[in-house]
C-alpha atoms as a PDB file:
ATOM      1  CA  MET A   1      95.940 -79.539 -12.091  1.00  0.00           C
ATOM      2  CA  SER A   2      94.732 -75.892 -13.099  1.00  0.00           C
ATOM      3  CA  ALA A   3      95.691 -73.655 -10.661  1.00  0.00           C
ATOM      4  CA  ARG A   4      92.387 -72.647 -10.600  1.00  0.00           C
ATOM      5  CA  SER A   5      91.614 -75.976  -9.770  1.00  0.00           C
ATOM      6  CA  GLU A   6      94.292 -75.863  -7.135  1.00  0.00           C
ATOM      7  CA  ARG A   7      93.014 -73.491  -5.079  1.00  0.00           C
ATOM      8  CA  LEU A   8      89.650 -74.869  -5.506  1.00  0.00           C
ATOM      9  CA  SER A   9      90.924 -77.680  -3.649  1.00  0.00           C
ATOM     10  CA  ASN A  10      93.081 -76.241  -1.030  1.00  0.00           C
ATOM     11  CA  ARG A  11      90.028 -74.145  -0.367  1.00  0.00           C
ATOM     12  CA  GLN A  12      87.805 -77.409   0.544  1.00  0.00           C
ATOM     13  CA  SER A  13      90.488 -78.641   2.592  1.00  0.00           C
ATOM     14  CA  ALA A  14      90.720 -75.770   4.150  1.00  0.00           C
ATOM     15  CA  LEU A  15      86.976 -74.997   4.849  1.00  0.00           C
ATOM     16  CA  ALA A  16      87.797 -78.754   5.942  1.00  0.00           C
ATOM     17  CA  LEU A  17      89.614 -78.389   8.650  1.00  0.00           C
ATOM     18  CA  PHE A  18      88.003 -75.748   9.993  1.00  0.00           C
ATOM     19  CA  HIS A  19      85.106 -77.558  10.107  1.00  0.00           C
ATOM     20  CA  LYS A  20      86.737 -80.024  12.060  1.00  0.00           C
ATOM     21  CA  SER A  21      89.309 -77.294  14.798  1.00  0.00           C
ATOM     22  CA  PRO A  22      87.762 -76.174  17.668  1.00  0.00           C
ATOM     23  CA  LEU A  23      89.975 -74.011  18.799  1.00  0.00           C
ATOM     24  CA  LYS A  24      89.478 -72.156  15.310  1.00  0.00           C
ATOM     25  CA  GLN A  25      85.981 -72.043  15.520  1.00  0.00           C
ATOM     26  CA  GLN A  26      85.952 -70.032  18.995  1.00  0.00           C
ATOM     27  CA  LYS A  27      88.891 -67.900  17.526  1.00  0.00           C
ATOM     28  CA  PHE A  28      86.352 -67.023  14.915  1.00  0.00           C
ATOM     29  CA  SER A  29      83.276 -66.842  16.868  1.00  0.00           C
ATOM     30  CA  GLN A  30      84.873 -63.940  18.955  1.00  0.00           C
ATOM     31  CA  ILE A  31      85.920 -61.510  15.997  1.00  0.00           C
ATOM     32  CA  VAL A  32      83.306 -61.724  14.563  1.00  0.00           C
ATOM     33  CA  ARG A  33      80.825 -60.933  17.543  1.00  0.00           C
ATOM     34  CA  LEU A  34      83.090 -57.666  17.933  1.00  0.00           C
ATOM     35  CA  LEU A  35      83.920 -56.725  14.051  1.00  0.00           C
ATOM     36  CA  GLY A  36      79.828 -56.536  13.314  1.00  0.00           C
ATOM     37  CA  PRO A  37      78.179 -56.056  10.126  1.00  0.00           C
ATOM     38  CA  THR A  38      80.687 -55.501   7.472  1.00  0.00           C
ATOM     39  CA  ASN A  39      78.851 -55.226   4.390  1.00  0.00           C
ATOM     40  CA  GLY A  40      80.160 -52.287   2.398  1.00  0.00           C
ATOM     41  CA  LEU A  41      82.462 -50.856   4.627  1.00  0.00           C
ATOM     42  CA  ARG A  42      85.967 -51.560   3.655  1.00  0.00           C
ATOM     43  CA  CYS A  43      88.197 -53.648   6.076  1.00  0.00           C
ATOM     44  CA  LEU A  44      91.821 -55.403   6.112  1.00  0.00           C
ATOM     45  CA  ASP A  45      93.026 -58.236   8.541  1.00  0.00           C
ATOM     46  CA  ILE A  46      96.363 -59.119   9.569  1.00  0.00           C
ATOM     47  CA  GLY A  47      98.435 -62.251  10.592  1.00  0.00           C
ATOM     48  CA  ALA A  48      95.289 -63.990   9.628  1.00  0.00           C
ATOM     49  CA  ASP A  49      97.711 -67.463  10.178  1.00  0.00           C
ATOM     50  CA  ASN A  50      97.159 -69.798   7.208  1.00  0.00           C
ATOM     51  CA  GLY A  51      94.623 -68.045   5.372  1.00  0.00           C
ATOM     52  CA  VAL A  52      91.090 -70.167   6.602  1.00  0.00           C
ATOM     53  CA  ILE A  53      90.414 -66.916   8.603  1.00  0.00           C
ATOM     54  CA  SER A  54      90.883 -64.084   5.542  1.00  0.00           C
ATOM     55  CA  LEU A  55      88.920 -66.345   3.651  1.00  0.00           C
ATOM     56  CA  LEU A  56      85.726 -66.820   6.274  1.00  0.00           C
ATOM     57  CA  LEU A  57      86.232 -63.213   6.977  1.00  0.00           C
ATOM     58  CA  ARG A  58      85.788 -62.185   3.233  1.00  0.00           C
ATOM     59  CA  GLY A  59      82.833 -64.217   3.438  1.00  0.00           C
ATOM     60  CA  THR A  60      81.330 -61.887   5.839  1.00  0.00           C
ATOM     61  CA  GLY A  61      80.580 -58.976   3.772  1.00  0.00           C
ATOM     62  CA  GLY A  62      82.554 -55.229   2.475  1.00  0.00           C
ATOM     63  CA  SER A  63      85.463 -55.086   0.573  1.00  0.00           C
ATOM     64  CA  TRP A  64      88.483 -57.140   2.325  1.00  0.00           C
ATOM     65  CA  LYS A  65      92.414 -56.782   2.269  1.00  0.00           C
ATOM     66  CA  SER A  66      94.649 -59.212   3.733  1.00  0.00           C
ATOM     67  CA  ALA A  67      98.024 -59.218   4.827  1.00  0.00           C
ATOM     68  CA  ASP A  68     101.090 -60.643   7.275  1.00  0.00           C
ATOM     69  CA  LEU A  69     104.402 -60.857   7.913  1.00  0.00           C
ATOM     70  CA  ASP A  70     105.988 -63.551   7.212  1.00  0.00           C
ATOM     71  CA  ALA A  71     106.595 -64.254   3.102  1.00  0.00           C
ATOM     72  CA  ARG A  72     104.907 -67.631   4.052  1.00  0.00           C
ATOM     73  CA  ALA A  73     102.078 -66.781   5.538  1.00  0.00           C
ATOM     74  CA  VAL A  74     100.994 -64.169   2.739  1.00  0.00           C
ATOM     75  CA  GLU A  75     101.829 -67.042   0.331  1.00  0.00           C
ATOM     76  CA  MET A  76      99.597 -69.469   2.135  1.00  0.00           C
ATOM     77  CA  ILE A  77      96.583 -66.938   2.080  1.00  0.00           C
ATOM     78  CA  ARG A  78      97.036 -65.625  -1.513  1.00  0.00           C
ATOM     79  CA  ASP A  79      96.924 -69.885  -2.490  1.00  0.00           C
ATOM     80  CA  LEU A  80      92.887 -69.539  -0.647  1.00  0.00           C
ATOM     81  CA  VAL A  81      91.733 -65.771  -1.446  1.00  0.00           C
ATOM     82  CA  GLU A  82      94.236 -65.115  -4.305  1.00  0.00           C
ATOM     83  CA  ASP A  83      93.360 -61.304  -4.277  1.00  0.00           C
ATOM     84  CA  ASP A  84      95.038 -58.199  -2.290  1.00  0.00           C
ATOM     85  CA  VAL A  85      96.917 -60.280   0.014  1.00  0.00           C
ATOM     86  CA  TYR A  86     100.317 -58.191   1.048  1.00  0.00           C
ATOM     87  CA  SER A  87     103.279 -58.484   2.871  1.00  0.00           C
ATOM     88  CA  ILE A  88     104.238 -55.567   5.684  1.00  0.00           C
ATOM     89  CA  THR A  89     106.397 -54.908   8.341  1.00  0.00           C
ATOM     90  CA  GLY A  90     105.578 -54.547  11.676  1.00  0.00           C
ATOM     91  CA  LEU A  91     105.814 -50.890  11.596  1.00  0.00           C
ATOM     92  CA  LYS A  92     103.981 -49.708   7.898  1.00  0.00           C
ATOM     93  CA  THR A  93     101.469 -50.517   5.164  1.00  0.00           C
ATOM     94  CA  PRO A  94     101.060 -50.171   1.804  1.00  0.00           C
ATOM     95  CA  PHE A  95      97.655 -49.012   2.576  1.00  0.00           C
ATOM     96  CA  GLU A  96      96.226 -45.218   1.605  1.00  0.00           C
ATOM     97  CA  GLU A  97      95.285 -43.186   4.935  1.00  0.00           C
ATOM     98  CA  ASN A  98      92.355 -43.362   6.133  1.00  0.00           C
ATOM     99  CA  GLU A  99      91.264 -45.877   3.923  1.00  0.00           C
ATOM    100  CA  PHE A 100      89.414 -48.792   5.879  1.00  0.00           C
ATOM    101  CA  ASP A 101      86.794 -48.695   8.340  1.00  0.00           C
ATOM    102  CA  ARG A 102      87.079 -52.481   9.739  1.00  0.00           C
ATOM    103  CA  VAL A 103      91.036 -53.687  10.664  1.00  0.00           C
ATOM    104  CA  VAL A 104      91.113 -56.320  12.106  1.00  0.00           C
ATOM    105  CA  ILE A 105      94.765 -58.204  13.669  1.00  0.00           C
ATOM    106  CA  VAL A 106      94.697 -61.394  14.800  1.00  0.00           C
ATOM    107  CA  ASP A 107      97.688 -62.710  16.572  1.00  0.00           C
ATOM    108  CA  PHE A 108     100.013 -60.384  15.525  1.00  0.00           C
ATOM    109  CA  LEU A 109     101.479 -57.625  17.219  1.00  0.00           C
ATOM    110  CA  GLU A 110     102.455 -59.629  20.522  1.00  0.00           C
ATOM    111  CA  HIS A 111     105.129 -60.809  16.893  1.00  0.00           C
ATOM    112  CA  ILE A 112     106.976 -56.990  16.300  1.00  0.00           C
ATOM    113  CA  PRO A 113     109.082 -55.177  18.870  1.00  0.00           C
ATOM    114  CA  THR A 114     107.378 -52.191  17.293  1.00  0.00           C
ATOM    115  CA  ASP A 115     104.380 -52.706  18.157  1.00  0.00           C
ATOM    116  CA  ALA A 116     103.602 -49.137  19.686  1.00  0.00           C
ATOM    117  CA  GLU A 117     104.502 -47.617  16.134  1.00  0.00           C
ATOM    118  CA  PHE A 118     101.796 -50.274  14.032  1.00  0.00           C
ATOM    119  CA  ALA A 119      99.501 -48.880  16.055  1.00  0.00           C
ATOM    120  CA  GLY A 120     100.224 -45.187  15.144  1.00  0.00           C
ATOM    121  CA  GLU A 121     100.020 -46.517  11.320  1.00  0.00           C
ATOM    122  CA  LEU A 122      97.161 -48.512  12.473  1.00  0.00           C
ATOM    123  CA  HIS A 123      95.539 -44.717  13.538  1.00  0.00           C
ATOM    124  CA  ARG A 124      96.430 -43.771   9.772  1.00  0.00           C
ATOM    125  CA  ILE A 125      95.293 -46.482   7.724  1.00  0.00           C
ATOM    126  CA  LEU A 126      91.643 -46.267   9.941  1.00  0.00           C
ATOM    127  CA  LYS A 127      89.306 -43.673   9.105  1.00  0.00           C
ATOM    128  CA  PRO A 128      87.397 -41.123  11.266  1.00  0.00           C
ATOM    129  CA  GLY A 129      85.254 -43.030  14.225  1.00  0.00           C
ATOM    130  CA  GLY A 130      87.074 -46.769  11.858  1.00  0.00           C
ATOM    131  CA  GLU A 131      87.177 -49.635  14.207  1.00  0.00           C
ATOM    132  CA  VAL A 132      90.416 -52.352  14.735  1.00  0.00           C
ATOM    133  CA  ILE A 133      89.515 -55.835  16.215  1.00  0.00           C
ATOM    134  CA  VAL A 134      92.551 -57.070  18.485  1.00  0.00           C
ATOM    135  CA  ASN A 135      93.342 -61.042  19.117  1.00  0.00           C
ATOM    136  CA  VAL A 136      96.455 -60.940  21.267  1.00  0.00           C
ATOM    137  CA  PRO A 137      97.560 -63.646  24.379  1.00  0.00           C
ATOM    138  CA  ARG A 138      96.714 -63.063  27.632  1.00  0.00           C
ATOM    139  CA  SER A 139      99.665 -62.277  29.704  1.00  0.00           C
ATOM    140  CA  GLY A 140     100.283 -64.334  33.052  1.00  0.00           C
ATOM    141  CA  LYS A 141      99.365 -68.089  32.096  1.00  0.00           C
ATOM    142  CA  GLY A 142     100.117 -70.021  34.952  1.00  0.00           C
ATOM    143  CA  VAL A 143      99.384 -73.679  34.982  1.00  0.00           C
ATOM    144  CA  VAL A 144      98.637 -73.615  31.094  1.00  0.00           C
ATOM    145  CA  GLY A 145     101.474 -71.230  30.908  1.00  0.00           C
ATOM    146  CA  ARG A 146     104.037 -74.177  33.151  1.00  0.00           C
ATOM    147  CA  LEU A 147     102.725 -76.713  31.331  1.00  0.00           C
ATOM    148  CA  ARG A 148     103.431 -75.380  27.802  1.00  0.00           C
ATOM    149  CA  ILE A 149     107.622 -74.791  29.128  1.00  0.00           C
ATOM    150  CA  LEU A 150     107.454 -78.049  29.829  1.00  0.00           C
ATOM    151  CA  LEU A 151     106.559 -79.353  26.685  1.00  0.00           C
ATOM    152  CA  ASN A 152     109.495 -77.012  24.879  1.00  0.00           C
ATOM    153  CA  GLN A 153     106.584 -74.876  23.361  1.00  0.00           C
ATOM    154  CA  THR A 154     108.482 -71.308  24.389  1.00  0.00           C
ATOM    155  CA  ASP A 155     107.732 -67.950  23.037  1.00  0.00           C
ATOM    156  CA  ARG A 156     110.298 -68.111  20.596  1.00  0.00           C
ATOM    157  CA  LYS A 157     108.880 -71.722  19.055  1.00  0.00           C
ATOM    158  CA  HIS A 158     106.143 -69.199  18.795  1.00  0.00           C
ATOM    159  CA  GLY A 159     107.876 -66.355  17.454  1.00  0.00           C
ATOM    160  CA  HIS A 160     106.638 -64.230  19.956  1.00  0.00           C
ATOM    161  CA  VAL A 161     108.570 -61.003  21.537  1.00  0.00           C
ATOM    162  CA  ARG A 162     106.329 -60.940  24.167  1.00  0.00           C
ATOM    163  CA  PRO A 163     104.531 -63.278  25.541  1.00  0.00           C
ATOM    164  CA  GLY A 164     100.918 -61.284  25.518  1.00  0.00           C
ATOM    165  CA  TYR A 165      99.420 -58.160  27.037  1.00  0.00           C
ATOM    166  CA  THR A 166      97.559 -57.216  29.881  1.00  0.00           C
ATOM    167  CA  GLU A 167      93.857 -55.285  29.442  1.00  0.00           C
ATOM    168  CA  ASP A 168      96.146 -52.449  30.717  1.00  0.00           C
ATOM    169  CA  SER A 169      99.015 -52.444  28.392  1.00  0.00           C
ATOM    170  CA  LEU A 170      96.682 -53.189  25.290  1.00  0.00           C
ATOM    171  CA  LYS A 171      94.808 -50.109  26.548  1.00  0.00           C
ATOM    172  CA  ALA A 172      98.281 -48.133  26.915  1.00  0.00           C
ATOM    173  CA  LEU A 173      99.198 -49.140  23.382  1.00  0.00           C
ATOM    174  CA  PHE A 174      96.128 -47.527  21.469  1.00  0.00           C
ATOM    175  CA  GLU A 175      95.493 -45.410  24.130  1.00  0.00           C
ATOM    176  CA  GLY A 176      95.513 -41.540  22.762  1.00  0.00           C
ATOM    177  CA  LYS A 177      94.420 -42.306  19.346  1.00  0.00           C
ATOM    178  CA  PHE A 178      91.529 -44.513  20.162  1.00  0.00           C
ATOM    179  CA  GLU A 179      89.136 -45.004  22.716  1.00  0.00           C
ATOM    180  CA  THR A 180      88.308 -48.507  23.636  1.00  0.00           C
ATOM    181  CA  VAL A 181      84.828 -50.034  22.571  1.00  0.00           C
ATOM    182  CA  GLU A 182      85.210 -53.851  24.389  1.00  0.00           C
ATOM    183  CA  VAL A 183      87.614 -55.765  25.818  1.00  0.00           C
ATOM    184  CA  ARG A 184      87.146 -59.571  26.939  1.00  0.00           C
ATOM    185  CA  THR A 185      88.897 -63.056  27.365  1.00  0.00           C
ATOM    186  CA  TYR A 186      87.963 -66.432  25.866  1.00  0.00           C
ATOM    187  CA  SER A 187      89.840 -69.682  25.870  1.00  0.00           C
ATOM    188  CA  LYS A 188      90.190 -70.636  29.430  1.00  0.00           C
ATOM    189  CA  PHE A 189      92.716 -73.651  30.899  1.00  0.00           C
ATOM    190  CA  PHE A 190      90.353 -77.007  28.910  1.00  0.00           C
ATOM    191  CA  SER A 191      90.936 -75.119  25.510  1.00  0.00           C
ATOM    192  CA  GLU A 192      94.079 -73.856  26.285  1.00  0.00           C
ATOM    193  CA  SER A 193      95.388 -77.378  27.486  1.00  0.00           C
ATOM    194  CA  VAL A 194      93.529 -79.046  24.514  1.00  0.00           C
ATOM    195  CA  ASP A 195      96.023 -76.298  22.252  1.00  0.00           C
ATOM    196  CA  ALA A 196      98.806 -77.371  24.116  1.00  0.00           C
ATOM    197  CA  GLY A 197      98.210 -81.311  23.338  1.00  0.00           C
ATOM    198  CA  ILE A 198      97.667 -80.837  19.607  1.00  0.00           C
ATOM    199  CA  THR A 199     100.369 -78.468  19.138  1.00  0.00           C
ATOM    200  CA  CYS A 200     102.725 -80.968  20.878  1.00  0.00           C
ATOM    201  CA  ALA A 201     101.598 -83.997  18.834  1.00  0.00           C
ATOM    202  CA  LEU A 202     101.534 -81.735  15.187  1.00  0.00           C
ATOM    203  CA  ASP A 203     105.733 -80.608  16.666  1.00  0.00           C
ATOM    204  CA  LEU A 204     105.824 -84.481  16.400  1.00  0.00           C
ATOM    205  CA  LEU A 205     105.077 -85.117  12.808  1.00  0.00           C
ATOM    206  CA  ARG A 206     107.214 -81.536  11.678  1.00  0.00           C
ATOM    207  CA  SER A 207     110.502 -82.363  10.568  1.00  0.00           C
ATOM    208  CA  ASN A 208     111.176 -78.675  11.059  1.00  0.00           C
ATOM    209  CA  ALA A 209     109.773 -77.452  14.259  1.00  0.00           C
ATOM    210  CA  GLU A 210     111.948 -74.354  14.634  1.00  0.00           C
ATOM    211  CA  SER A 211     110.072 -70.806  14.635  1.00  0.00           C
ATOM    212  CA  GLU A 212     109.471 -68.886  12.003  1.00  0.00           C
ATOM    213  CA  SER A 213     108.608 -65.185  12.326  1.00  0.00           C
ATOM    214  CA  LYS A 214     105.206 -66.314  12.789  1.00  0.00           C
ATOM    215  CA  GLY A 215     105.802 -69.348  14.045  1.00  0.00           C
ATOM    216  CA  ARG A 216     104.098 -73.131  13.705  1.00  0.00           C
ATOM    217  CA  LEU A 217     101.793 -71.949  10.790  1.00  0.00           C
ATOM    218  CA  VAL A 218      99.454 -75.141  10.035  1.00  0.00           C
ATOM    219  CA  ASP A 219      99.993 -75.691   6.140  1.00  0.00           C
ATOM    220  CA  VAL A 220      96.795 -77.238   4.091  1.00  0.00           C
ATOM    221  CA  ALA A 221      98.940 -78.705   1.992  1.00  0.00           C
ATOM    222  CA  GLN A 222     100.782 -80.512   4.238  1.00  0.00           C
ATOM    223  CA  VAL A 223      97.432 -81.495   5.788  1.00  0.00           C
ATOM    224  CA  GLN A 224      96.678 -82.340   2.252  1.00  0.00           C
ATOM    225  CA  ARG A 225      99.207 -84.717   2.069  1.00  0.00           C
ATOM    226  CA  ARG A 226      98.804 -86.544   5.235  1.00  0.00           C
ATOM    227  CA  LYS A 227      95.666 -88.202   5.246  1.00  0.00           C
ATOM    228  CA  LYS A 228      95.908 -89.637   8.951  1.00  0.00           C
ATOM    229  CA  LEU A 229      96.495 -86.421  10.303  1.00  0.00           C
ATOM    230  CA  PHE A 230      92.747 -84.645   9.158  1.00  0.00           C
ATOM    231  CA  LEU A 231      91.394 -88.200  10.105  1.00  0.00           C
ATOM    232  CA  ALA A 232      92.787 -87.585  13.675  1.00  0.00           C
ATOM    233  CA  TYR A 233      90.750 -83.952  13.753  1.00  0.00           C
ATOM    234  CA  SER A 234      88.120 -86.011  12.793  1.00  0.00           C
ATOM    235  CA  LEU A 235      87.783 -88.257  15.424  1.00  0.00           C
ATOM    236  CA  LEU A 236      89.319 -86.302  17.898  1.00  0.00           C
ATOM    237  CA  TYR A 237      86.401 -83.824  17.643  1.00  0.00           C
ATOM    238  CA  PRO A 238      83.845 -84.177  19.359  1.00  0.00           C
ATOM    239  CA  PHE A 239      86.310 -85.051  22.149  1.00  0.00           C
ATOM    240  CA  VAL A 240      87.944 -81.504  21.799  1.00  0.00           C
ATOM    241  CA  ARG A 241      84.178 -80.145  21.506  1.00  0.00           C
ATOM    242  CA  PHE A 242      83.823 -81.834  25.118  1.00  0.00           C
ATOM    243  CA  LEU A 243      86.763 -80.404  26.656  1.00  0.00           C
ATOM    244  CA  MET A 244      86.483 -76.957  25.314  1.00  0.00           C
ATOM    245  CA  TRP A 245      83.161 -76.867  27.055  1.00  0.00           C
ATOM    246  CA  LEU A 246      84.285 -77.774  30.384  1.00  0.00           C
ATOM    247  CA  ASP A 247      85.697 -74.035  30.271  1.00  0.00           C
ATOM    248  CA  HIS A 248      82.165 -72.804  30.986  1.00  0.00           C
ATOM    249  CA  LEU A 249      83.525 -74.558  34.548  1.00  0.00           C
ATOM    250  CA  CYS A 250      85.521 -72.129  34.988  1.00  0.00           C
ATOM    251  CA  PHE A 251      85.182 -69.284  36.979  1.00  0.00           C
ATOM    252  CA  THR A 252      88.762 -68.294  36.081  1.00  0.00           C
ATOM    253  CA  ARG A 253      89.535 -65.654  32.614  1.00  0.00           C
ATOM    254  CA  GLY A 254      90.751 -66.958  29.688  1.00  0.00           C
ATOM    255  CA  HIS A 255      93.598 -67.167  28.767  1.00  0.00           C
ATOM    256  CA  MET A 256      92.928 -64.817  25.152  1.00  0.00           C
ATOM    257  CA  LEU A 257      92.722 -61.308  25.228  1.00  0.00           C
ATOM    258  CA  ILE A 258      90.046 -59.351  22.379  1.00  0.00           C
ATOM    259  CA  ALA A 259      89.292 -56.197  22.258  1.00  0.00           C
ATOM    260  CA  LYS A 260      87.634 -53.788  19.997  1.00  0.00           C
ATOM    261  CA  TYR A 261      88.741 -50.083  19.704  1.00  0.00           C
ATOM    262  CA  ARG A 262      87.713 -46.749  18.556  1.00  0.00           C
ATOM    263  CA  HIS A 263      89.753 -44.590  15.463  1.00  0.00           C
ATOM    264  CA  ILE A 264      89.726 -41.223  17.467  1.00  0.00           C
ATOM    265  CA  SER A 265      90.011 -38.148  15.274  1.00  0.00           C
ATOM    266  CA  GLU A 266      93.174 -35.376  15.654  1.00  0.00           C
ATOM    267  CA  ASN A 267      90.498 -32.718  15.115  1.00  0.00           C
ATOM    268  CA  SER A 268      88.600 -34.217  18.231  1.00  0.00           C
ATOM    269  CA  GLU A 269      91.115 -34.414  20.809  1.00  0.00           C
END
């Protein structure tokens, strides 16, 4: 199989898995809702897991680059989107000053101890008036958090250096260089319980469940090799969708936090 054919096969498998993964669909929907139109804009996504979010974001319009902390994640993203994928640290990026109109941060800040310094780096690479979309776990998870601990789904296993953020702590991280545009939560009790169950099942299938810097990554090639895994996803899809719908009956706040902040130029401060 040629490299081009293999990449096309990986893309098809990644998209097929996405369409059977309500949790990923929910995350992508929340991101796009805050992101808005991107036609004609220069955009960057950071931390987009196994690459399918990067692939889908590139389909929304505009010019996109992608980056991640973990070498394996970078390779997985590159396998799907091919070009403009970069390895970064929790301090610096290889991008120019005022390069981007939009930056999307997906489940990344909780993995780095230097989140305050990285917020400053985001200010450097965004254009004045540019916007950053930040998706992070919300700290203080109650019943589901205790369930995850019982299932050995600890922050360490996920590669987290902190359990998440509150609305106030996330705002404080960006305060002074960004203004808050919108903050919301999503993924309530039933969605998080489903996620805990799926993660537990995947752990049982893996021989190396120890964490990496980005924790557990769903490898497209692994799913391709395990046809029964994809079949299980397909069979469970309607049930999982129903359980996630039950979130509408919960009047509590969600376990995921997503926010939009707008770059404030130093001249306007």
